[in-house]
Structure formats: C-alpha cells, structure tokens
Amino acid sequence: MGNKAAVGELQMDRASLETVPRHVAIIMDGNNRWAKRRSLPSAAGHKAGLESVRSVMRVCAELKVEVLTLFAFSSENWRRPEKEVSALMTLFLTALRQEVKKIHKNNFRLRVIGNRSRFSDKIQQGIADAEKLTANNDGCTVVIAADYGGQWDIAQAAQSLAADACAGKIELSDINEQSLHERICLSDLPMPDLCIRTGGEHRISNFLLWQMAYSELYFTDTYWPDFGREAFYEAVADFQRRDRRFGRTSNESSDASQTTGDKSEDMSA
C-alpha cells in the first residue's frame, strides 16, 4: 500500500463513524476510456469496472455505509452503439445471475431503480428475483440505477400525483415538496450525503436530481476500473473535511450537529 493509501486509512481510523456518509452515490464513469488506453474493446472496460463495484461494496460494509447507489445505465445510454449496449445488457444479466448469491450471502439488500420496461423479459425477471432474494437483508442497501434519469424520476412522481388529483384522491393543495418527495425513487432511504464521479468529468448527468439537493460532490480523474479501496477512502476523508451547513451559518451547523447528532439531510425522517 502506497503512502497516499496509508494517509487515507489513517484519516479514517481517527474519524468517528458518525462522520461517515450514510448514503454514497457514485457515477461510474471512464470504463470506455480505460479500455481504449489499453487497446481493448469497451466491453472489457465494463467488465473491469465490475471488480471496482465489488471493492467499493466491501468498503461500504466495513464502514457501515447504509446506502450505496450506483449509476449503472442512464436513460441516455441507449444512444450508444448497439454493440456496446448489447454487451452492457449481457453483463447486467450475468451480474444479476452470478453476483446476487454473493450479495445475499454478505447481507446486502439489492434494489433497482429506473424504467424497467425497455429491458428484456430475462433482465426484468432477474431484477425481480434478486430483489426478492435480498429483501429481508439488513446490511448495506445497494441501489442500481438502470435506465434511470433524474428528470424521468421527477416526471413520474408528478404524473402519479396528477393522476391522484384527477381521480379525486387528493386535493391540488396536497401537492407540495413533501408529497412529491414521497413519490420519488428512494424516498424511504436517507438522501445521498456524498456523490462521487470518476473519469474526470465535472457534472452529475441527470443523476438523482431531486435526491442530491444537499449532497457533497466529489470529482476524480481516476477511471472507474481503477477506483478501489484507496480511492474510496480518499473520497470519504474529503467528505469528512466538509462543513455541511444546509443554509445555516458555520456556528449554527456545528451547534445543530452536536445537539442532534444529524448526519445528513434526511427528508424521509
């Protein structure tokens, strides 16, 4: 382990677990560029990225991170070359079939968010089987965002509320931030404290737009297949140095955290 990793480990060892983010969201970017640098097909980059998923899941279990959300396939990714999309779908199905038993054995709970209707029947069944198998586990919840977009998420929540209003189930005055939040994906879980994006880009690309209103953003040039234990520790250590004020002054946020023990802005509480 290099000096950089040792520093990351040391920072985490000294930090209270109270300052570990409850919910970490990751935009896993750079698989294609990682493969291209090695003169490999894009599918090789996506396969290599799967090992990083395993590594980060292990660290989350060790640090008792409650939720890990991974942006696996966006609504816009259907625009990629057909060959690459096909390879991604094959990898997704293989992971559902082969990884879920390991996930279950290690007490992870798996959830998938997004528009499932465009996936094949086999993938949809694989998702349902994986969620059912791990539903009663009480370890870290691993959320896979697949065919997901933040704008789609907000739109489907708004449509749900509008349908209820048209049917007379709710009044127009009942539509507010809280009622919309309740229809948004992951409304029953803590909101993301930390969003990590690998690959060097500095944007959130339509990922968890509603949920990340108060998330801390961490960008790294590291490609996703190279993002492992050391890199995750560095991201969490950086998070621990942030002053999360949620609209308050520094003194107010410090006083509030000391008296309430709040670790995140959790609208579901």
C-alpha atoms as a PDB file:
ATOM      1  CA  MET A   1       0.000   0.000   0.000  1.00  0.00           C
ATOM      2  CA  GLY A   2       1.408   3.389  -1.005  1.00  0.00           C
ATOM      3  CA  ASN A   3       1.761   6.491   1.141  1.00  0.00           C
ATOM      4  CA  LYS A   4      -1.405   8.006  -0.295  1.00  0.00           C
ATOM      5  CA  ALA A   5      -3.438   4.960   0.729  1.00  0.00           C
ATOM      6  CA  ALA A   6      -1.836   4.928   4.177  1.00  0.00           C
ATOM      7  CA  VAL A   7      -2.862   8.544   4.735  1.00  0.00           C
ATOM      8  CA  GLY A   8      -6.424   7.716   3.699  1.00  0.00           C
ATOM      9  CA  GLU A   9      -6.556   4.738   6.059  1.00  0.00           C
ATOM     10  CA  LEU A  10      -5.118   6.825   8.921  1.00  0.00           C
ATOM     11  CA  GLN A  11      -7.672   9.582   8.443  1.00  0.00           C
ATOM     12  CA  MET A  12     -10.486   7.065   8.524  1.00  0.00           C
ATOM     13  CA  ASP A  13      -9.103   5.297  11.589  1.00  0.00           C
ATOM     14  CA  ARG A  14      -9.118   8.541  13.541  1.00  0.00           C
ATOM     15  CA  ALA A  15     -12.530   9.670  12.398  1.00  0.00           C
ATOM     16  CA  SER A  16     -15.681   8.794  14.239  1.00  0.00           C
ATOM     17  CA  LEU A  17     -18.065   6.556  12.336  1.00  0.00           C
ATOM     18  CA  GLU A  18     -20.610   9.300  12.974  1.00  0.00           C
ATOM     19  CA  THR A  19     -18.956  11.286  10.178  1.00  0.00           C
ATOM     20  CA  VAL A  20     -19.099   8.513   7.594  1.00  0.00           C
ATOM     21  CA  PRO A  21     -21.747   9.334   4.959  1.00  0.00           C
ATOM     22  CA  ARG A  22     -24.930   7.337   5.387  1.00  0.00           C
ATOM     23  CA  HIS A  23     -25.606   7.290   1.651  1.00  0.00           C
ATOM     24  CA  VAL A  24     -22.947   7.380  -1.075  1.00  0.00           C
ATOM     25  CA  ALA A  25     -23.963   7.751  -4.731  1.00  0.00           C
ATOM     26  CA  ILE A  26     -21.457   7.061  -7.498  1.00  0.00           C
ATOM     27  CA  ILE A  27     -21.410   7.958 -11.196  1.00  0.00           C
ATOM     28  CA  MET A  28     -19.163   5.193 -12.522  1.00  0.00           C
ATOM     29  CA  ASP A  29     -17.500   6.912 -15.480  1.00  0.00           C
ATOM     30  CA  GLY A  30     -14.415   6.088 -17.530  1.00  0.00           C
ATOM     31  CA  ASN A  31     -14.827   2.419 -18.461  1.00  0.00           C
ATOM     32  CA  ASN A  32     -14.567   3.094 -22.190  1.00  0.00           C
ATOM     33  CA  ARG A  33     -11.528   5.353 -21.883  1.00  0.00           C
ATOM     34  CA  TRP A  34      -9.855   2.852 -19.557  1.00  0.00           C
ATOM     35  CA  ALA A  35     -10.309   0.162 -22.212  1.00  0.00           C
ATOM     36  CA  LYS A  36      -9.257   2.428 -25.087  1.00  0.00           C
ATOM     37  CA  ARG A  37      -5.964   3.266 -23.370  1.00  0.00           C
ATOM     38  CA  ARG A  38      -5.255  -0.462 -23.296  1.00  0.00           C
ATOM     39  CA  SER A  39      -6.415  -1.050 -26.882  1.00  0.00           C
ATOM     40  CA  LEU A  40      -9.268  -3.192 -25.555  1.00  0.00           C
ATOM     41  CA  PRO A  41     -12.936  -3.287 -26.572  1.00  0.00           C
ATOM     42  CA  SER A  42     -15.356  -1.255 -24.481  1.00  0.00           C
ATOM     43  CA  ALA A  43     -16.846  -4.454 -23.026  1.00  0.00           C
ATOM     44  CA  ALA A  44     -13.500  -5.139 -21.326  1.00  0.00           C
ATOM     45  CA  GLY A  45     -13.723  -1.812 -19.541  1.00  0.00           C
ATOM     46  CA  HIS A  46     -17.214  -2.557 -18.268  1.00  0.00           C
ATOM     47  CA  LYS A  47     -16.100  -5.983 -17.023  1.00  0.00           C
ATOM     48  CA  ALA A  48     -13.125  -4.426 -15.246  1.00  0.00           C
ATOM     49  CA  GLY A  49     -15.498  -1.906 -13.684  1.00  0.00           C
ATOM     50  CA  LEU A  50     -17.431  -4.737 -12.065  1.00  0.00           C
ATOM     51  CA  GLU A  51     -14.432  -5.507  -9.846  1.00  0.00           C
ATOM     52  CA  SER A  52     -14.466  -1.903  -8.631  1.00  0.00           C
ATOM     53  CA  VAL A  53     -18.128  -2.360  -7.721  1.00  0.00           C
ATOM     54  CA  ARG A  54     -17.191  -5.382  -5.597  1.00  0.00           C
ATOM     55  CA  SER A  55     -14.352  -3.472  -3.925  1.00  0.00           C
ATOM     56  CA  VAL A  56     -16.478  -0.444  -3.064  1.00  0.00           C
ATOM     57  CA  MET A  57     -19.264  -2.665  -1.724  1.00  0.00           C
ATOM     58  CA  ARG A  58     -16.789  -4.331   0.637  1.00  0.00           C
ATOM     59  CA  VAL A  59     -15.563  -0.980   1.946  1.00  0.00           C
ATOM     60  CA  CYS A  60     -19.132   0.263   2.428  1.00  0.00           C
ATOM     61  CA  ALA A  61     -19.886  -2.815   4.520  1.00  0.00           C
ATOM     62  CA  GLU A  62     -16.769  -2.207   6.627  1.00  0.00           C
ATOM     63  CA  LEU A  63     -17.599   1.467   7.222  1.00  0.00           C
ATOM     64  CA  LYS A  64     -21.284   0.722   7.806  1.00  0.00           C
ATOM     65  CA  VAL A  65     -22.445   2.947   4.974  1.00  0.00           C
ATOM     66  CA  GLU A  66     -26.213   2.446   4.909  1.00  0.00           C
ATOM     67  CA  VAL A  67     -26.871   3.001   1.205  1.00  0.00           C
ATOM     68  CA  LEU A  68     -24.686   2.761  -1.911  1.00  0.00           C
ATOM     69  CA  THR A  69     -26.318   3.915  -5.158  1.00  0.00           C
ATOM     70  CA  LEU A  70     -24.540   3.153  -8.428  1.00  0.00           C
ATOM     71  CA  PHE A  71     -25.398   4.824 -11.740  1.00  0.00           C
ATOM     72  CA  ALA A  72     -25.074   1.780 -13.975  1.00  0.00           C
ATOM     73  CA  PHE A  73     -27.047   2.751 -17.079  1.00  0.00           C
ATOM     74  CA  SER A  74     -28.684   6.085 -17.786  1.00  0.00           C
ATOM     75  CA  SER A  75     -31.734   6.799 -19.910  1.00  0.00           C
ATOM     76  CA  GLU A  76     -29.376   8.426 -22.410  1.00  0.00           C
ATOM     77  CA  ASN A  77     -27.088   5.379 -22.656  1.00  0.00           C
ATOM     78  CA  TRP A  78     -29.494   3.727 -25.108  1.00  0.00           C
ATOM     79  CA  ARG A  79     -27.987   6.125 -27.679  1.00  0.00           C
ATOM     80  CA  ARG A  80     -24.624   4.373 -27.515  1.00  0.00           C
ATOM     81  CA  PRO A  81     -23.532   1.992 -30.293  1.00  0.00           C
ATOM     82  CA  GLU A  82     -25.779  -1.060 -30.487  1.00  0.00           C
ATOM     83  CA  LYS A  83     -22.868  -3.430 -29.938  1.00  0.00           C
ATOM     84  CA  GLU A  84     -21.890  -1.683 -26.699  1.00  0.00           C
ATOM     85  CA  VAL A  85     -25.482  -1.572 -25.413  1.00  0.00           C
ATOM     86  CA  SER A  86     -25.839  -5.283 -26.160  1.00  0.00           C
ATOM     87  CA  ALA A  87     -22.629  -6.034 -24.254  1.00  0.00           C
ATOM     88  CA  LEU A  88     -23.853  -3.964 -21.308  1.00  0.00           C
ATOM     89  CA  MET A  89     -27.166  -5.821 -21.223  1.00  0.00           C
ATOM     90  CA  THR A  90     -25.345  -9.167 -21.280  1.00  0.00           C
ATOM     91  CA  LEU A  91     -23.078  -8.054 -18.444  1.00  0.00           C
ATOM     92  CA  PHE A  92     -26.073  -6.795 -16.456  1.00  0.00           C
ATOM     93  CA  LEU A  93     -27.902 -10.111 -16.800  1.00  0.00           C
ATOM     94  CA  THR A  94     -24.775 -12.093 -15.950  1.00  0.00           C
ATOM     95  CA  ALA A  95     -24.162  -9.954 -12.865  1.00  0.00           C
ATOM     96  CA  LEU A  96     -27.766 -10.424 -11.732  1.00  0.00           C
ATOM     97  CA  ARG A  97     -27.437 -14.190 -12.035  1.00  0.00           C
ATOM     98  CA  GLN A  98     -23.924 -14.673 -10.689  1.00  0.00           C
ATOM     99  CA  GLU A  99     -23.393 -11.841  -8.210  1.00  0.00           C
ATOM    100  CA  VAL A 100     -26.715 -11.901  -6.396  1.00  0.00           C
ATOM    101  CA  LYS A 101     -25.895 -15.035  -4.394  1.00  0.00           C
ATOM    102  CA  LYS A 102     -22.688 -13.414  -3.137  1.00  0.00           C
ATOM    103  CA  ILE A 103     -24.594 -10.215  -2.381  1.00  0.00           C
ATOM    104  CA  HIS A 104     -27.168 -12.181  -0.427  1.00  0.00           C
ATOM    105  CA  LYS A 105     -24.521 -14.166   1.447  1.00  0.00           C
ATOM    106  CA  ASN A 106     -22.889 -10.920   2.579  1.00  0.00           C
ATOM    107  CA  ASN A 107     -26.199  -9.475   3.833  1.00  0.00           C
ATOM    108  CA  PHE A 108     -26.545  -6.731   1.213  1.00  0.00           C
ATOM    109  CA  ARG A 109     -30.017  -5.697   0.103  1.00  0.00           C
ATOM    110  CA  LEU A 110     -30.345  -5.046  -3.625  1.00  0.00           C
ATOM    111  CA  ARG A 111     -32.725  -2.572  -5.227  1.00  0.00           C
ATOM    112  CA  VAL A 112     -33.005  -1.394  -8.824  1.00  0.00           C
ATOM    113  CA  ILE A 113     -34.493   1.981  -9.784  1.00  0.00           C
ATOM    114  CA  GLY A 114     -35.389   3.229 -13.232  1.00  0.00           C
ATOM    115  CA  ASN A 115     -37.733   2.477 -16.104  1.00  0.00           C
ATOM    116  CA  ARG A 116     -37.598  -1.317 -16.428  1.00  0.00           C
ATOM    117  CA  SER A 117     -39.967  -1.571 -19.392  1.00  0.00           C
ATOM    118  CA  ARG A 118     -37.225  -1.319 -22.038  1.00  0.00           C
ATOM    119  CA  PHE A 119     -35.220  -4.203 -20.594  1.00  0.00           C
ATOM    120  CA  SER A 120     -35.684  -7.750 -21.867  1.00  0.00           C
ATOM    121  CA  ASP A 121     -38.025 -10.102 -20.026  1.00  0.00           C
ATOM    122  CA  LYS A 122     -34.990 -12.041 -18.771  1.00  0.00           C
ATOM    123  CA  ILE A 123     -33.422  -8.933 -17.243  1.00  0.00           C
ATOM    124  CA  GLN A 124     -36.712  -7.828 -15.694  1.00  0.00           C
ATOM    125  CA  GLN A 125     -37.152 -11.266 -14.155  1.00  0.00           C
ATOM    126  CA  GLY A 126     -33.548 -11.266 -12.969  1.00  0.00           C
ATOM    127  CA  ILE A 127     -34.110  -7.927 -11.227  1.00  0.00           C
ATOM    128  CA  ALA A 128     -37.284  -9.168  -9.544  1.00  0.00           C
ATOM    129  CA  ASP A 129     -35.602 -12.386  -8.377  1.00  0.00           C
ATOM    130  CA  ALA A 130     -32.569 -10.519  -6.982  1.00  0.00           C
ATOM    131  CA  GLU A 131     -34.696  -8.015  -5.102  1.00  0.00           C
ATOM    132  CA  LYS A 132     -36.886 -10.763  -3.662  1.00  0.00           C
ATOM    133  CA  LEU A 133     -33.914 -12.864  -2.538  1.00  0.00           C
ATOM    134  CA  THR A 134     -32.228  -9.991  -0.690  1.00  0.00           C
ATOM    135  CA  ALA A 135     -35.330  -8.118   0.521  1.00  0.00           C
ATOM    136  CA  ASN A 136     -35.007  -9.148   4.167  1.00  0.00           C
ATOM    137  CA  ASN A 137     -31.267  -8.490   4.499  1.00  0.00           C
ATOM    138  CA  ASP A 138     -30.398  -5.682   6.895  1.00  0.00           C
ATOM    139  CA  GLY A 139     -26.904  -4.750   5.748  1.00  0.00           C
ATOM    140  CA  CYS A 140     -25.955  -2.038   3.275  1.00  0.00           C
ATOM    141  CA  THR A 141     -28.630  -1.354   0.654  1.00  0.00           C
ATOM    142  CA  VAL A 142     -27.081  -1.393  -2.823  1.00  0.00           C
ATOM    143  CA  VAL A 143     -29.182   0.529  -5.328  1.00  0.00           C
ATOM    144  CA  ILE A 144     -28.571   0.042  -9.047  1.00  0.00           C
ATOM    145  CA  ALA A 145     -29.845   2.914 -11.187  1.00  0.00           C
ATOM    146  CA  ALA A 146     -30.553   1.317 -14.579  1.00  0.00           C
ATOM    147  CA  ASP A 147     -32.375   3.060 -17.434  1.00  0.00           C
ATOM    148  CA  TYR A 148     -32.636   5.856 -14.907  1.00  0.00           C
ATOM    149  CA  GLY A 149     -32.745   9.617 -15.313  1.00  0.00           C
ATOM    150  CA  GLY A 150     -33.368  12.276 -12.689  1.00  0.00           C
ATOM    151  CA  GLN A 151     -35.795  14.152 -14.947  1.00  0.00           C
ATOM    152  CA  TRP A 152     -37.730  10.920 -15.583  1.00  0.00           C
ATOM    153  CA  ASP A 153     -37.845  10.316 -11.829  1.00  0.00           C
ATOM    154  CA  ILE A 154     -39.377  13.729 -11.092  1.00  0.00           C
ATOM    155  CA  ALA A 155     -41.769  13.448 -14.047  1.00  0.00           C
ATOM    156  CA  GLN A 156     -43.096  10.046 -12.974  1.00  0.00           C
ATOM    157  CA  ALA A 157     -43.636  11.357  -9.446  1.00  0.00           C
ATOM    158  CA  ALA A 158     -45.523  14.381 -10.807  1.00  0.00           C
ATOM    159  CA  GLN A 159     -47.653  12.159 -13.059  1.00  0.00           C
ATOM    160  CA  SER A 160     -48.536   9.951 -10.097  1.00  0.00           C
ATOM    161  CA  LEU A 161     -49.691  12.939  -8.053  1.00  0.00           C
ATOM    162  CA  ALA A 162     -51.596  14.408 -11.006  1.00  0.00           C
ATOM    163  CA  ALA A 163     -53.405  11.099 -11.570  1.00  0.00           C
ATOM    164  CA  ASP A 164     -54.481  11.006  -7.930  1.00  0.00           C
ATOM    165  CA  ALA A 165     -55.674  14.618  -8.115  1.00  0.00           C
ATOM    166  CA  CYS A 166     -57.707  13.905 -11.264  1.00  0.00           C
ATOM    167  CA  ALA A 167     -59.259  10.873  -9.571  1.00  0.00           C
ATOM    168  CA  GLY A 168     -60.228  12.964  -6.561  1.00  0.00           C
ATOM    169  CA  LYS A 169     -57.947  11.034  -4.209  1.00  0.00           C
ATOM    170  CA  ILE A 170     -56.028  14.172  -3.225  1.00  0.00           C
ATOM    171  CA  GLU A 171     -56.576  17.912  -3.444  1.00  0.00           C
ATOM    172  CA  LEU A 172     -54.366  20.192  -5.536  1.00  0.00           C
ATOM    173  CA  SER A 173     -53.300  21.817  -2.282  1.00  0.00           C
ATOM    174  CA  ASP A 174     -51.892  18.443  -1.195  1.00  0.00           C
ATOM    175  CA  ILE A 175     -49.225  18.650  -3.902  1.00  0.00           C
ATOM    176  CA  ASN A 176     -46.122  20.083  -2.290  1.00  0.00           C
ATOM    177  CA  GLU A 177     -42.440  19.283  -1.813  1.00  0.00           C
ATOM    178  CA  GLN A 178     -43.117  16.542   0.728  1.00  0.00           C
ATOM    179  CA  SER A 179     -45.826  14.779  -1.286  1.00  0.00           C
ATOM    180  CA  LEU A 180     -43.655  14.911  -4.415  1.00  0.00           C
ATOM    181  CA  HIS A 181     -40.711  13.578  -2.447  1.00  0.00           C
ATOM    182  CA  GLU A 182     -42.792  10.619  -1.319  1.00  0.00           C
ATOM    183  CA  ARG A 183     -43.289   9.567  -4.974  1.00  0.00           C
ATOM    184  CA  ILE A 184     -39.616   9.981  -5.910  1.00  0.00           C
ATOM    185  CA  CYS A 185     -37.373   6.914  -6.085  1.00  0.00           C
ATOM    186  CA  LEU A 186     -35.581   6.111  -2.794  1.00  0.00           C
ATOM    187  CA  SER A 187     -37.927   8.305  -0.740  1.00  0.00           C
ATOM    188  CA  ASP A 188     -37.760   5.746   2.083  1.00  0.00           C
ATOM    189  CA  LEU A 189     -33.958   5.975   2.327  1.00  0.00           C
ATOM    190  CA  PRO A 190     -31.574   8.703   3.552  1.00  0.00           C
ATOM    191  CA  MET A 191     -30.776  11.212   0.846  1.00  0.00           C
ATOM    192  CA  PRO A 192     -27.246  10.966  -0.622  1.00  0.00           C
ATOM    193  CA  ASP A 193     -24.649  12.669   1.559  1.00  0.00           C
ATOM    194  CA  LEU A 194     -21.835  12.212  -0.945  1.00  0.00           C
ATOM    195  CA  CYS A 195     -21.845  11.862  -4.725  1.00  0.00           C
ATOM    196  CA  ILE A 196     -18.632  10.617  -6.330  1.00  0.00           C
ATOM    197  CA  ARG A 197     -17.973  10.908 -10.055  1.00  0.00           C
ATOM    198  CA  THR A 198     -14.986   9.168 -11.592  1.00  0.00           C
ATOM    199  CA  GLY A 199     -13.466   9.744 -15.013  1.00  0.00           C
ATOM    200  CA  GLY A 200     -12.648  13.450 -14.842  1.00  0.00           C
ATOM    201  CA  GLU A 201     -15.996  14.986 -15.808  1.00  0.00           C
ATOM    202  CA  HIS A 202     -17.489  17.645 -13.522  1.00  0.00           C
ATOM    203  CA  ARG A 203     -21.246  17.198 -13.916  1.00  0.00           C
ATOM    204  CA  ILE A 204     -23.991  15.000 -12.475  1.00  0.00           C
ATOM    205  CA  SER A 205     -25.513  13.962 -15.823  1.00  0.00           C
ATOM    206  CA  ASN A 206     -29.189  13.729 -14.864  1.00  0.00           C
ATOM    207  CA  PHE A 207     -28.468  11.530 -11.829  1.00  0.00           C
ATOM    208  CA  LEU A 208     -30.670  11.777  -8.700  1.00  0.00           C
ATOM    209  CA  LEU A 209     -31.518  15.419  -9.402  1.00  0.00           C
ATOM    210  CA  TRP A 210     -34.104  15.657  -6.626  1.00  0.00           C
ATOM    211  CA  GLN A 211     -32.256  13.487  -4.123  1.00  0.00           C
ATOM    212  CA  MET A 212     -28.919  15.331  -4.385  1.00  0.00           C
ATOM    213  CA  ALA A 213     -30.189  18.781  -3.409  1.00  0.00           C
ATOM    214  CA  TYR A 214     -27.730  18.873  -0.481  1.00  0.00           C
ATOM    215  CA  SER A 215     -25.178  16.252  -1.493  1.00  0.00           C
ATOM    216  CA  GLU A 216     -21.467  16.937  -1.330  1.00  0.00           C
ATOM    217  CA  LEU A 217     -19.900  16.435  -4.776  1.00  0.00           C
ATOM    218  CA  TYR A 218     -16.514  14.762  -5.244  1.00  0.00           C
ATOM    219  CA  PHE A 219     -14.869  14.536  -8.665  1.00  0.00           C
ATOM    220  CA  THR A 220     -11.803  12.485  -9.506  1.00  0.00           C
ATOM    221  CA  ASP A 221      -9.832  11.920 -12.716  1.00  0.00           C
ATOM    222  CA  THR A 222      -9.494   8.223 -11.869  1.00  0.00           C
ATOM    223  CA  TYR A 223     -11.297   5.948 -14.298  1.00  0.00           C
ATOM    224  CA  TRP A 224     -13.882   3.707 -12.685  1.00  0.00           C
ATOM    225  CA  PRO A 225     -11.987   0.400 -13.206  1.00  0.00           C
ATOM    226  CA  ASP A 226      -9.082   1.916 -11.226  1.00  0.00           C
ATOM    227  CA  PHE A 227     -11.306   3.215  -8.415  1.00  0.00           C
ATOM    228  CA  GLY A 228     -10.920   0.857  -5.467  1.00  0.00           C
ATOM    229  CA  ARG A 229     -10.493   0.810  -1.726  1.00  0.00           C
ATOM    230  CA  GLU A 230      -7.791   3.502  -1.558  1.00  0.00           C
ATOM    231  CA  ALA A 231      -9.717   5.909  -3.781  1.00  0.00           C
ATOM    232  CA  PHE A 232     -12.936   5.384  -1.823  1.00  0.00           C
ATOM    233  CA  TYR A 233     -11.185   6.139   1.463  1.00  0.00           C
ATOM    234  CA  GLU A 234      -9.801   9.351  -0.033  1.00  0.00           C
ATOM    235  CA  ALA A 235     -13.282  10.431  -1.138  1.00  0.00           C
ATOM    236  CA  VAL A 236     -14.771   9.769   2.302  1.00  0.00           C
ATOM    237  CA  ALA A 237     -11.859  11.539   4.012  1.00  0.00           C
ATOM    238  CA  ASP A 238     -12.516  14.572   1.793  1.00  0.00           C
ATOM    239  CA  PHE A 239     -16.209  14.409   2.747  1.00  0.00           C
ATOM    240  CA  GLN A 240     -15.276  14.444   6.424  1.00  0.00           C
ATOM    241  CA  ARG A 241     -13.461  17.753   5.943  1.00  0.00           C
ATOM    242  CA  ARG A 242     -16.558  19.456   4.507  1.00  0.00           C
ATOM    243  CA  ASP A 243     -18.687  21.874   6.547  1.00  0.00           C
ATOM    244  CA  ARG A 244     -22.279  20.900   5.765  1.00  0.00           C
ATOM    245  CA  ARG A 245     -24.423  23.897   6.709  1.00  0.00           C
ATOM    246  CA  PHE A 246     -27.794  23.249   4.966  1.00  0.00           C
ATOM    247  CA  GLY A 247     -28.439  27.009   4.808  1.00  0.00           C
ATOM    248  CA  ARG A 248     -27.191  27.731   8.336  1.00  0.00           C
ATOM    249  CA  THR A 249     -24.042  29.581   9.355  1.00  0.00           C
ATOM    250  CA  SER A 250     -20.952  27.591  10.314  1.00  0.00           C
ATOM    251  CA  ASN A 251     -21.612  28.111  14.033  1.00  0.00           C
ATOM    252  CA  GLU A 252     -25.263  27.136  13.700  1.00  0.00           C
ATOM    253  CA  SER A 253     -24.489  23.970  11.749  1.00  0.00           C
ATOM    254  CA  SER A 254     -21.845  22.988  14.298  1.00  0.00           C
ATOM    255  CA  ASP A 255     -24.221  23.545  17.214  1.00  0.00           C
ATOM    256  CA  ALA A 256     -27.016  21.639  15.475  1.00  0.00           C
ATOM    257  CA  SER A 257     -24.831  18.629  14.729  1.00  0.00           C
ATOM    258  CA  GLN A 258     -23.631  18.498  18.328  1.00  0.00           C
ATOM    259  CA  THR A 259     -27.123  18.646  19.811  1.00  0.00           C
ATOM    260  CA  THR A 260     -28.993  16.437  17.338  1.00  0.00           C
ATOM    261  CA  GLY A 261     -26.294  14.118  16.027  1.00  0.00           C
ATOM    262  CA  ASP A 262     -27.664  14.582  12.493  1.00  0.00           C
ATOM    263  CA  LYS A 263     -25.503  13.029   9.810  1.00  0.00           C
ATOM    264  CA  SER A 264     -27.425  14.100   6.730  1.00  0.00           C
ATOM    265  CA  GLU A 265     -30.372  15.998   5.376  1.00  0.00           C
ATOM    266  CA  ASP A 266     -32.887  13.152   5.530  1.00  0.00           C
ATOM    267  CA  MET A 267     -36.306  14.113   4.156  1.00  0.00           C
ATOM    268  CA  SER A 268     -37.603  10.632   4.874  1.00  0.00           C
ATOM    269  CA  ALA A 269     -37.134  11.028   8.641  1.00  0.00           C
END
